[in-house]
Amino acid sequence: AGFAVSAVADGLGSSAHSDVASELAARGAAEFCLRNIRR
């Protein structure tokens, strides 16, 4: 409501499941902010 949230995450190439971690990080952090920030 009156703001935008954007997140990017870059999984480290040397990590076997960094694609999973980057998805959890970007989506989770942005959704947390969308739920908890108010004008």
PDB file of all heavy atoms in Angstrom:
ATOM      1  N   ALA A   1       0.845  -1.193   0.000  1.00  0.00           N
ATOM      2  CA  ALA A   1       0.000   0.000   0.000  1.00  0.00           C
ATOM      3  C   ALA A   1       0.882   1.245   0.000  1.00  0.00           C
ATOM      4  O   ALA A   1       1.295   1.728   1.048  1.00  0.00           O
ATOM      5  CB  ALA A   1      -0.926  -0.005   1.204  1.00  0.00           C
ATOM      6  N   GLY A   2       1.231   1.750  -1.184  1.00  0.00           N
ATOM      7  CA  GLY A   2       2.033   2.957  -1.310  1.00  0.00           C
ATOM      8  C   GLY A   2       3.533   2.740  -1.323  1.00  0.00           C
ATOM      9  O   GLY A   2       4.287   3.697  -1.154  1.00  0.00           O
ATOM     10  N   PHE A   3       3.976   1.521  -1.514  1.00  0.00           N
ATOM     11  CA  PHE A   3       5.407   1.249  -1.598  1.00  0.00           C
ATOM     12  C   PHE A   3       5.637  -0.005  -2.436  1.00  0.00           C
ATOM     13  O   PHE A   3       4.718  -0.784  -2.683  1.00  0.00           O
ATOM     14  CB  PHE A   3       6.039   1.093  -0.201  1.00  0.00           C
ATOM     15  CG  PHE A   3       5.589  -0.128   0.547  1.00  0.00           C
ATOM     16  CD1 PHE A   3       6.342  -1.300   0.523  1.00  0.00           C
ATOM     17  CD2 PHE A   3       4.415  -0.115   1.284  1.00  0.00           C
ATOM     18  CE1 PHE A   3       5.927  -2.430   1.218  1.00  0.00           C
ATOM     19  CE2 PHE A   3       4.000  -1.239   1.988  1.00  0.00           C
ATOM     20  CZ  PHE A   3       4.751  -2.400   1.954  1.00  0.00           C
ATOM     21  N   ALA A   4       6.880  -0.166  -2.870  1.00  0.00           N
ATOM     22  CA  ALA A   4       7.265  -1.359  -3.625  1.00  0.00           C
ATOM     23  C   ALA A   4       8.478  -1.990  -2.953  1.00  0.00           C
ATOM     24  O   ALA A   4       9.291  -1.301  -2.341  1.00  0.00           O
ATOM     25  CB  ALA A   4       7.605  -0.987  -5.072  1.00  0.00           C
ATOM     26  N   VAL A   5       8.576  -3.310  -3.077  1.00  0.00           N
ATOM     27  CA  VAL A   5       9.707  -4.059  -2.553  1.00  0.00           C
ATOM     28  C   VAL A   5      10.283  -4.877  -3.697  1.00  0.00           C
ATOM     29  O   VAL A   5       9.543  -5.484  -4.479  1.00  0.00           O
ATOM     30  CB  VAL A   5       9.291  -5.014  -1.406  1.00  0.00           C
ATOM     31  CG1 VAL A   5      10.472  -5.846  -0.938  1.00  0.00           C
ATOM     32  CG2 VAL A   5       8.695  -4.239  -0.253  1.00  0.00           C
ATOM     33  N   SER A   6      11.596  -4.880  -3.797  1.00  0.00           N
ATOM     34  CA  SER A   6      12.268  -5.661  -4.822  1.00  0.00           C
ATOM     35  C   SER A   6      13.495  -6.312  -4.201  1.00  0.00           C
ATOM     36  O   SER A   6      14.170  -5.701  -3.375  1.00  0.00           O
ATOM     37  CB  SER A   6      12.674  -4.743  -5.973  1.00  0.00           C
ATOM     38  OG  SER A   6      13.176  -5.488  -7.050  1.00  0.00           O
ATOM     39  N   ALA A   7      13.766  -7.566  -4.602  1.00  0.00           N
ATOM     40  CA  ALA A   7      14.926  -8.283  -4.069  1.00  0.00           C
ATOM     41  C   ALA A   7      15.581  -9.096  -5.171  1.00  0.00           C
ATOM     42  O   ALA A   7      14.898  -9.615  -6.058  1.00  0.00           O
ATOM     43  CB  ALA A   7      14.504  -9.210  -2.926  1.00  0.00           C
ATOM     44  N   VAL A   8      16.900  -9.191  -5.111  1.00  0.00           N
ATOM     45  CA  VAL A   8      17.666 -10.081  -5.985  1.00  0.00           C
ATOM     46  C   VAL A   8      18.601 -10.902  -5.117  1.00  0.00           C
ATOM     47  O   VAL A   8      19.096 -10.433  -4.084  1.00  0.00           O
ATOM     48  CB  VAL A   8      18.484  -9.334  -7.075  1.00  0.00           C
ATOM     49  CG1 VAL A   8      17.571  -8.607  -8.039  1.00  0.00           C
ATOM     50  CG2 VAL A   8      19.499  -8.382  -6.472  1.00  0.00           C
ATOM     51  N   ALA A   9      18.804 -12.137  -5.539  1.00  0.00           N
ATOM     52  CA  ALA A   9      19.725 -13.023  -4.840  1.00  0.00           C
ATOM     53  C   ALA A   9      20.510 -13.791  -5.894  1.00  0.00           C
ATOM     54  O   ALA A   9      19.957 -14.224  -6.901  1.00  0.00           O
ATOM     55  CB  ALA A   9      18.963 -13.978  -3.926  1.00  0.00           C
ATOM     56  N   ASP A  10      21.780 -13.951  -5.655  1.00  0.00           N
ATOM     57  CA  ASP A  10      22.675 -14.619  -6.589  1.00  0.00           C
ATOM     58  C   ASP A  10      23.308 -15.801  -5.866  1.00  0.00           C
ATOM     59  O   ASP A  10      24.153 -15.615  -4.991  1.00  0.00           O
ATOM     60  CB  ASP A  10      23.739 -13.629  -7.054  1.00  0.00           C
ATOM     61  CG  ASP A  10      24.707 -14.208  -8.085  1.00  0.00           C
ATOM     62  OD1 ASP A  10      24.568 -15.394  -8.448  1.00  0.00           O
ATOM     63  OD2 ASP A  10      25.603 -13.478  -8.509  1.00  0.00           O
ATOM     64  N   GLY A  11      22.867 -16.996  -6.225  1.00  0.00           N
ATOM     65  CA  GLY A  11      23.447 -18.193  -5.627  1.00  0.00           C
ATOM     66  C   GLY A  11      24.901 -18.332  -6.022  1.00  0.00           C
ATOM     67  O   GLY A  11      25.262 -18.118  -7.178  1.00  0.00           O
ATOM     68  N   LEU A  12      25.745 -18.660  -5.065  1.00  0.00           N
ATOM     69  CA  LEU A  12      27.170 -18.817  -5.346  1.00  0.00           C
ATOM     70  C   LEU A  12      27.396 -20.100  -6.145  1.00  0.00           C
ATOM     71  O   LEU A  12      26.943 -21.176  -5.740  1.00  0.00           O
ATOM     72  CB  LEU A  12      27.977 -18.840  -4.052  1.00  0.00           C
ATOM     73  CG  LEU A  12      28.320 -17.452  -3.473  1.00  0.00           C
ATOM     74  CD1 LEU A  12      27.105 -16.621  -3.196  1.00  0.00           C
ATOM     75  CD2 LEU A  12      29.196 -17.584  -2.270  1.00  0.00           C
ATOM     76  N   GLY A  13      28.066 -19.969  -7.280  1.00  0.00           N
ATOM     77  CA  GLY A  13      28.242 -21.067  -8.217  1.00  0.00           C
ATOM     78  C   GLY A  13      28.927 -22.296  -7.651  1.00  0.00           C
ATOM     79  O   GLY A  13      28.740 -23.399  -8.148  1.00  0.00           O
ATOM     80  N   SER A  14      29.688 -22.127  -6.598  1.00  0.00           N
ATOM     81  CA  SER A  14      30.382 -23.266  -6.008  1.00  0.00           C
ATOM     82  C   SER A  14      29.491 -24.068  -5.066  1.00  0.00           C
ATOM     83  O   SER A  14      29.905 -25.094  -4.548  1.00  0.00           O
ATOM     84  CB  SER A  14      31.615 -22.774  -5.243  1.00  0.00           C
ATOM     85  OG  SER A  14      31.218 -21.866  -4.232  1.00  0.00           O
ATOM     86  N   SER A  15      28.268 -23.627  -4.850  1.00  0.00           N
ATOM     87  CA  SER A  15      27.350 -24.276  -3.917  1.00  0.00           C
ATOM     88  C   SER A  15      26.323 -25.109  -4.671  1.00  0.00           C
ATOM     89  O   SER A  15      25.660 -24.618  -5.580  1.00  0.00           O
ATOM     90  CB  SER A  15      26.633 -23.231  -3.066  1.00  0.00           C
ATOM     91  OG  SER A  15      27.558 -22.502  -2.304  1.00  0.00           O
ATOM     92  N   ALA A  16      26.167 -26.353  -4.269  1.00  0.00           N
ATOM     93  CA  ALA A  16      25.317 -27.310  -4.985  1.00  0.00           C
ATOM     94  C   ALA A  16      23.845 -26.894  -5.057  1.00  0.00           C
ATOM     95  O   ALA A  16      23.173 -27.171  -6.049  1.00  0.00           O
ATOM     96  CB  ALA A  16      25.429 -28.690  -4.333  1.00  0.00           C
ATOM     97  N   HIS A  17      23.338 -26.228  -4.030  1.00  0.00           N
ATOM     98  CA  HIS A  17      21.912 -25.868  -3.991  1.00  0.00           C
ATOM     99  C   HIS A  17      21.712 -24.355  -3.875  1.00  0.00           C
ATOM    100  O   HIS A  17      20.745 -23.894  -3.274  1.00  0.00           O
ATOM    101  CB  HIS A  17      21.220 -26.587  -2.834  1.00  0.00           C
ATOM    102  CG  HIS A  17      21.354 -28.068  -2.899  1.00  0.00           C
ATOM    103  ND1 HIS A  17      20.731 -28.830  -3.866  1.00  0.00           N
ATOM    104  CD2 HIS A  17      22.073 -28.923  -2.146  1.00  0.00           C
ATOM    105  CE1 HIS A  17      21.045 -30.096  -3.690  1.00  0.00           C
ATOM    106  NE2 HIS A  17      21.871 -30.181  -2.652  1.00  0.00           N
ATOM    107  N   SER A  18      22.613 -23.601  -4.473  1.00  0.00           N
ATOM    108  CA  SER A  18      22.511 -22.146  -4.369  1.00  0.00           C
ATOM    109  C   SER A  18      21.291 -21.601  -5.096  1.00  0.00           C
ATOM    110  O   SER A  18      20.781 -20.545  -4.729  1.00  0.00           O
ATOM    111  CB  SER A  18      23.785 -21.484  -4.878  1.00  0.00           C
ATOM    112  OG  SER A  18      23.987 -21.792  -6.241  1.00  0.00           O
ATOM    113  N   ASP A  19      20.781 -22.317  -6.101  1.00  0.00           N
ATOM    114  CA  ASP A  19      19.561 -21.877  -6.776  1.00  0.00           C
ATOM    115  C   ASP A  19      18.371 -21.934  -5.821  1.00  0.00           C
ATOM    116  O   ASP A  19      17.525 -21.043  -5.817  1.00  0.00           O
ATOM    117  CB  ASP A  19      19.299 -22.711  -8.029  1.00  0.00           C
ATOM    118  CG  ASP A  19      19.195 -24.197  -7.762  1.00  0.00           C
ATOM    119  OD1 ASP A  19      19.919 -24.720  -6.879  1.00  0.00           O
ATOM    120  OD2 ASP A  19      18.385 -24.867  -8.435  1.00  0.00           O
ATOM    121  N   VAL A  20      18.328 -22.953  -4.984  1.00  0.00           N
ATOM    122  CA  VAL A  20      17.262 -23.070  -3.976  1.00  0.00           C
ATOM    123  C   VAL A  20      17.402 -21.953  -2.949  1.00  0.00           C
ATOM    124  O   VAL A  20      16.427 -21.289  -2.591  1.00  0.00           O
ATOM    125  CB  VAL A  20      17.316 -24.455  -3.281  1.00  0.00           C
ATOM    126  CG1 VAL A  20      16.323 -24.536  -2.132  1.00  0.00           C
ATOM    127  CG2 VAL A  20      17.093 -25.571  -4.285  1.00  0.00           C
ATOM    128  N   ALA A  21      18.630 -21.724  -2.487  1.00  0.00           N
ATOM    129  CA  ALA A  21      18.878 -20.680  -1.491  1.00  0.00           C
ATOM    130  C   ALA A  21      18.521 -19.297  -2.033  1.00  0.00           C
ATOM    131  O   ALA A  21      17.921 -18.486  -1.319  1.00  0.00           O
ATOM    132  CB  ALA A  21      20.337 -20.709  -1.048  1.00  0.00           C
ATOM    133  N   SER A  22      18.868 -19.019  -3.285  1.00  0.00           N
ATOM    134  CA  SER A  22      18.576 -17.689  -3.833  1.00  0.00           C
ATOM    135  C   SER A  22      17.069 -17.462  -3.946  1.00  0.00           C
ATOM    136  O   SER A  22      16.583 -16.374  -3.666  1.00  0.00           O
ATOM    137  CB  SER A  22      19.277 -17.473  -5.170  1.00  0.00           C
ATOM    138  OG  SER A  22      18.715 -18.249  -6.199  1.00  0.00           O
ATOM    139  N   GLU A  23      16.329 -18.493  -4.319  1.00  0.00           N
ATOM    140  CA  GLU A  23      14.862 -18.372  -4.396  1.00  0.00           C
ATOM    141  C   GLU A  23      14.267 -18.149  -3.007  1.00  0.00           C
ATOM    142  O   GLU A  23      13.406 -17.281  -2.824  1.00  0.00           O
ATOM    143  CB  GLU A  23      14.256 -19.625  -5.040  1.00  0.00           C
ATOM    144  CG  GLU A  23      12.749 -19.671  -5.012  1.00  0.00           C
ATOM    145  CD  GLU A  23      12.048 -18.613  -5.855  1.00  0.00           C
ATOM    146  OE1 GLU A  23      12.668 -18.070  -6.782  1.00  0.00           O
ATOM    147  OE2 GLU A  23      10.859 -18.329  -5.573  1.00  0.00           O
ATOM    148  N   LEU A  24      14.715 -18.927  -2.026  1.00  0.00           N
ATOM    149  CA  LEU A  24      14.229 -18.748  -0.653  1.00  0.00           C
ATOM    150  C   LEU A  24      14.540 -17.339  -0.146  1.00  0.00           C
ATOM    151  O   LEU A  24      13.706 -16.709   0.509  1.00  0.00           O
ATOM    152  CB  LEU A  24      14.865 -19.783   0.275  1.00  0.00           C
ATOM    153  CG  LEU A  24      14.408 -21.228   0.134  1.00  0.00           C
ATOM    154  CD1 LEU A  24      15.314 -22.162   0.939  1.00  0.00           C
ATOM    155  CD2 LEU A  24      12.956 -21.387   0.572  1.00  0.00           C
ATOM    156  N   ALA A  25      15.730 -16.838  -0.441  1.00  0.00           N
ATOM    157  CA  ALA A  25      16.152 -15.524   0.052  1.00  0.00           C
ATOM    158  C   ALA A  25      15.350 -14.392  -0.585  1.00  0.00           C
ATOM    159  O   ALA A  25      14.787 -13.549   0.121  1.00  0.00           O
ATOM    160  CB  ALA A  25      17.646 -15.320  -0.196  1.00  0.00           C
ATOM    161  N   ALA A  26      15.303 -14.345  -1.910  1.00  0.00           N
ATOM    162  CA  ALA A  26      14.632 -13.227  -2.592  1.00  0.00           C
ATOM    163  C   ALA A  26      13.141 -13.201  -2.279  1.00  0.00           C
ATOM    164  O   ALA A  26      12.588 -12.170  -1.881  1.00  0.00           O
ATOM    165  CB  ALA A  26      14.868 -13.305  -4.099  1.00  0.00           C
ATOM    166  N   ARG A  27      12.483 -14.325  -2.473  1.00  0.00           N
ATOM    167  CA  ARG A  27      11.032 -14.386  -2.237  1.00  0.00           C
ATOM    168  C   ARG A  27      10.713 -14.170  -0.749  1.00  0.00           C
ATOM    169  O   ARG A  27       9.832 -13.382  -0.399  1.00  0.00           O
ATOM    170  CB  ARG A  27      10.475 -15.722  -2.697  1.00  0.00           C
ATOM    171  CG  ARG A  27       8.974 -15.885  -2.421  1.00  0.00           C
ATOM    172  CD  ARG A  27       8.451 -17.233  -2.887  1.00  0.00           C
ATOM    173  NE  ARG A  27       8.498 -17.358  -4.323  1.00  0.00           N
ATOM    174  CZ  ARG A  27       7.571 -16.909  -5.151  1.00  0.00           C
ATOM    175  NH1 ARG A  27       6.516 -16.295  -4.681  1.00  0.00           N
ATOM    176  NH2 ARG A  27       7.698 -17.078  -6.455  1.00  0.00           N
ATOM    177  N   GLY A  28      11.436 -14.876   0.115  1.00  0.00           N
ATOM    178  CA  GLY A  28      11.139 -14.799   1.541  1.00  0.00           C
ATOM    179  C   GLY A  28      11.325 -13.411   2.122  1.00  0.00           C
ATOM    180  O   GLY A  28      10.483 -12.919   2.873  1.00  0.00           O
ATOM    181  N   ALA A  29      12.427 -12.753   1.791  1.00  0.00           N
ATOM    182  CA  ALA A  29      12.695 -11.411   2.334  1.00  0.00           C
ATOM    183  C   ALA A  29      11.690 -10.397   1.804  1.00  0.00           C
ATOM    184  O   ALA A  29      11.172  -9.568   2.562  1.00  0.00           O
ATOM    185  CB  ALA A  29      14.117 -10.983   2.009  1.00  0.00           C
ATOM    186  N   ALA A  30      11.401 -10.448   0.503  1.00  0.00           N
ATOM    187  CA  ALA A  30      10.443  -9.488  -0.072  1.00  0.00           C
ATOM    188  C   ALA A  30       9.043  -9.692   0.509  1.00  0.00           C
ATOM    189  O   ALA A  30       8.370  -8.722   0.873  1.00  0.00           O
ATOM    190  CB  ALA A  30      10.422  -9.614  -1.588  1.00  0.00           C
ATOM    191  N   GLU A  31       8.606 -10.933   0.609  1.00  0.00           N
ATOM    192  CA  GLU A  31       7.277 -11.197   1.168  1.00  0.00           C
ATOM    193  C   GLU A  31       7.197 -10.781   2.634  1.00  0.00           C
ATOM    194  O   GLU A  31       6.177 -10.248   3.073  1.00  0.00           O
ATOM    195  CB  GLU A  31       6.908 -12.671   0.999  1.00  0.00           C
ATOM    196  CG  GLU A  31       6.569 -13.020  -0.438  1.00  0.00           C
ATOM    197  CD  GLU A  31       6.199 -14.479  -0.652  1.00  0.00           C
ATOM    198  OE1 GLU A  31       6.453 -15.314   0.256  1.00  0.00           O
ATOM    199  OE2 GLU A  31       5.662 -14.788  -1.729  1.00  0.00           O
ATOM    200  N   PHE A  32       8.265 -11.000   3.400  1.00  0.00           N
ATOM    201  CA  PHE A  32       8.306 -10.577   4.796  1.00  0.00           C
ATOM    202  C   PHE A  32       8.108  -9.056   4.878  1.00  0.00           C
ATOM    203  O   PHE A  32       7.318  -8.565   5.692  1.00  0.00           O
ATOM    204  CB  PHE A  32       9.642 -10.978   5.427  1.00  0.00           C
ATOM    205  CG  PHE A  32       9.736 -10.692   6.901  1.00  0.00           C
ATOM    206  CD1 PHE A  32       9.454 -11.683   7.826  1.00  0.00           C
ATOM    207  CD2 PHE A  32      10.128  -9.444   7.364  1.00  0.00           C
ATOM    208  CE1 PHE A  32       9.546 -11.430   9.194  1.00  0.00           C
ATOM    209  CE2 PHE A  32      10.216  -9.177   8.718  1.00  0.00           C
ATOM    210  CZ  PHE A  32       9.924 -10.173   9.646  1.00  0.00           C
ATOM    211  N   CYS A  33       8.816  -8.318   4.037  1.00  0.00           N
ATOM    212  CA  CYS A  33       8.693  -6.852   4.039  1.00  0.00           C
ATOM    213  C   CYS A  33       7.300  -6.412   3.609  1.00  0.00           C
ATOM    214  O   CYS A  33       6.731  -5.482   4.196  1.00  0.00           O
ATOM    215  CB  CYS A  33       9.769  -6.234   3.149  1.00  0.00           C
ATOM    216  SG  CYS A  33      11.430  -6.358   3.853  1.00  0.00           S
ATOM    217  N   LEU A  34       6.748  -7.066   2.605  1.00  0.00           N
ATOM    218  CA  LEU A  34       5.396  -6.706   2.149  1.00  0.00           C
ATOM    219  C   LEU A  34       4.363  -6.928   3.251  1.00  0.00           C
ATOM    220  O   LEU A  34       3.400  -6.161   3.370  1.00  0.00           O
ATOM    221  CB  LEU A  34       5.025  -7.497   0.897  1.00  0.00           C
ATOM    222  CG  LEU A  34       5.733  -7.056  -0.381  1.00  0.00           C
ATOM    223  CD1 LEU A  34       5.588  -8.106  -1.476  1.00  0.00           C
ATOM    224  CD2 LEU A  34       5.200  -5.703  -0.849  1.00  0.00           C
ATOM    225  N   ARG A  35       4.551  -7.934   4.068  1.00  0.00           N
ATOM    226  CA  ARG A  35       3.611  -8.215   5.165  1.00  0.00           C
ATOM    227  C   ARG A  35       3.789  -7.267   6.348  1.00  0.00           C
ATOM    228  O   ARG A  35       2.841  -7.030   7.098  1.00  0.00           O
ATOM    229  CB  ARG A  35       3.800  -9.646   5.691  1.00  0.00           C
ATOM    230  CG  ARG A  35       3.253 -10.730   4.831  1.00  0.00           C
ATOM    231  CD  ARG A  35       3.241 -12.087   5.547  1.00  0.00           C
ATOM    232  NE  ARG A  35       4.511 -12.453   6.173  1.00  0.00           N
ATOM    233  CZ  ARG A  35       5.494 -13.115   5.565  1.00  0.00           C
ATOM    234  NH1 ARG A  35       5.366 -13.484   4.301  1.00  0.00           N
ATOM    235  NH2 ARG A  35       6.600 -13.415   6.219  1.00  0.00           N
ATOM    236  N   ASN A  36       4.988  -6.728   6.546  1.00  0.00           N
ATOM    237  CA  ASN A  36       5.280  -6.028   7.793  1.00  0.00           C
ATOM    238  C   ASN A  36       5.544  -4.532   7.682  1.00  0.00           C
ATOM    239  O   ASN A  36       5.629  -3.864   8.710  1.00  0.00           O
ATOM    240  CB  ASN A  36       6.481  -6.701   8.478  1.00  0.00           C
ATOM    241  CG  ASN A  36       6.116  -8.082   8.968  1.00  0.00           C
ATOM    242  OD1 ASN A  36       5.396  -8.221   9.947  1.00  0.00           O
ATOM    243  ND2 ASN A  36       6.576  -9.111   8.280  1.00  0.00           N
ATOM    244  N   ILE A  37       5.694  -4.010   6.493  1.00  0.00           N
ATOM    245  CA  ILE A  37       5.932  -2.566   6.330  1.00  0.00           C
ATOM    246  C   ILE A  37       4.605  -1.872   6.061  1.00  0.00           C
ATOM    247  O   ILE A  37       3.767  -2.370   5.316  1.00  0.00           O
ATOM    248  CB  ILE A  37       6.953  -2.294   5.206  1.00  0.00           C
ATOM    249  CG1 ILE A  37       8.331  -2.788   5.652  1.00  0.00           C
ATOM    250  CG2 ILE A  37       6.990  -0.808   4.835  1.00  0.00           C
ATOM    251  CD1 ILE A  37       9.418  -2.665   4.605  1.00  0.00           C
ATOM    252  N   ARG A  38       4.434  -0.718   6.667  1.00  0.00           N
ATOM    253  CA  ARG A  38       3.226   0.097   6.501  1.00  0.00           C
ATOM    254  C   ARG A  38       3.638   1.544   6.253  1.00  0.00           C
ATOM    255  O   ARG A  38       4.644   2.018   6.794  1.00  0.00           O
ATOM    256  CB  ARG A  38       2.352   0.058   7.758  1.00  0.00           C
ATOM    257  CG  ARG A  38       1.904  -1.326   8.166  1.00  0.00           C
ATOM    258  CD  ARG A  38       0.794  -1.825   7.251  1.00  0.00           C
ATOM    259  NE  ARG A  38       0.468  -3.200   7.558  1.00  0.00           N
ATOM    260  CZ  ARG A  38       0.906  -4.258   6.879  1.00  0.00           C
ATOM    261  NH1 ARG A  38       1.715  -4.108   5.865  1.00  0.00           N
ATOM    262  NH2 ARG A  38       0.535  -5.474   7.205  1.00  0.00           N
ATOM    263  N   ARG A  39       2.835   2.238   5.479  1.00  0.00           N
ATOM    264  CA  ARG A  39       3.053   3.676   5.285  1.00  0.00           C
ATOM    265  C   ARG A  39       3.029   4.359   6.643  1.00  0.00           C
ATOM    266  O   ARG A  39       2.303   3.957   7.534  1.00  0.00           O
ATOM    267  CB  ARG A  39       1.994   4.272   4.380  1.00  0.00           C
ATOM    268  CG  ARG A  39       2.163   3.852   2.949  1.00  0.00           C
ATOM    269  CD  ARG A  39       1.269   4.630   1.999  1.00  0.00           C
ATOM    270  NE  ARG A  39       1.575   6.045   1.941  1.00  0.00           N
ATOM    271  CZ  ARG A  39       2.643   6.587   1.351  1.00  0.00           C
ATOM    272  NH1 ARG A  39       3.525   5.825   0.774  1.00  0.00           N
ATOM    273  NH2 ARG A  39       2.817   7.884   1.337  1.00  0.00           N
TER     274      ARG A  39
END
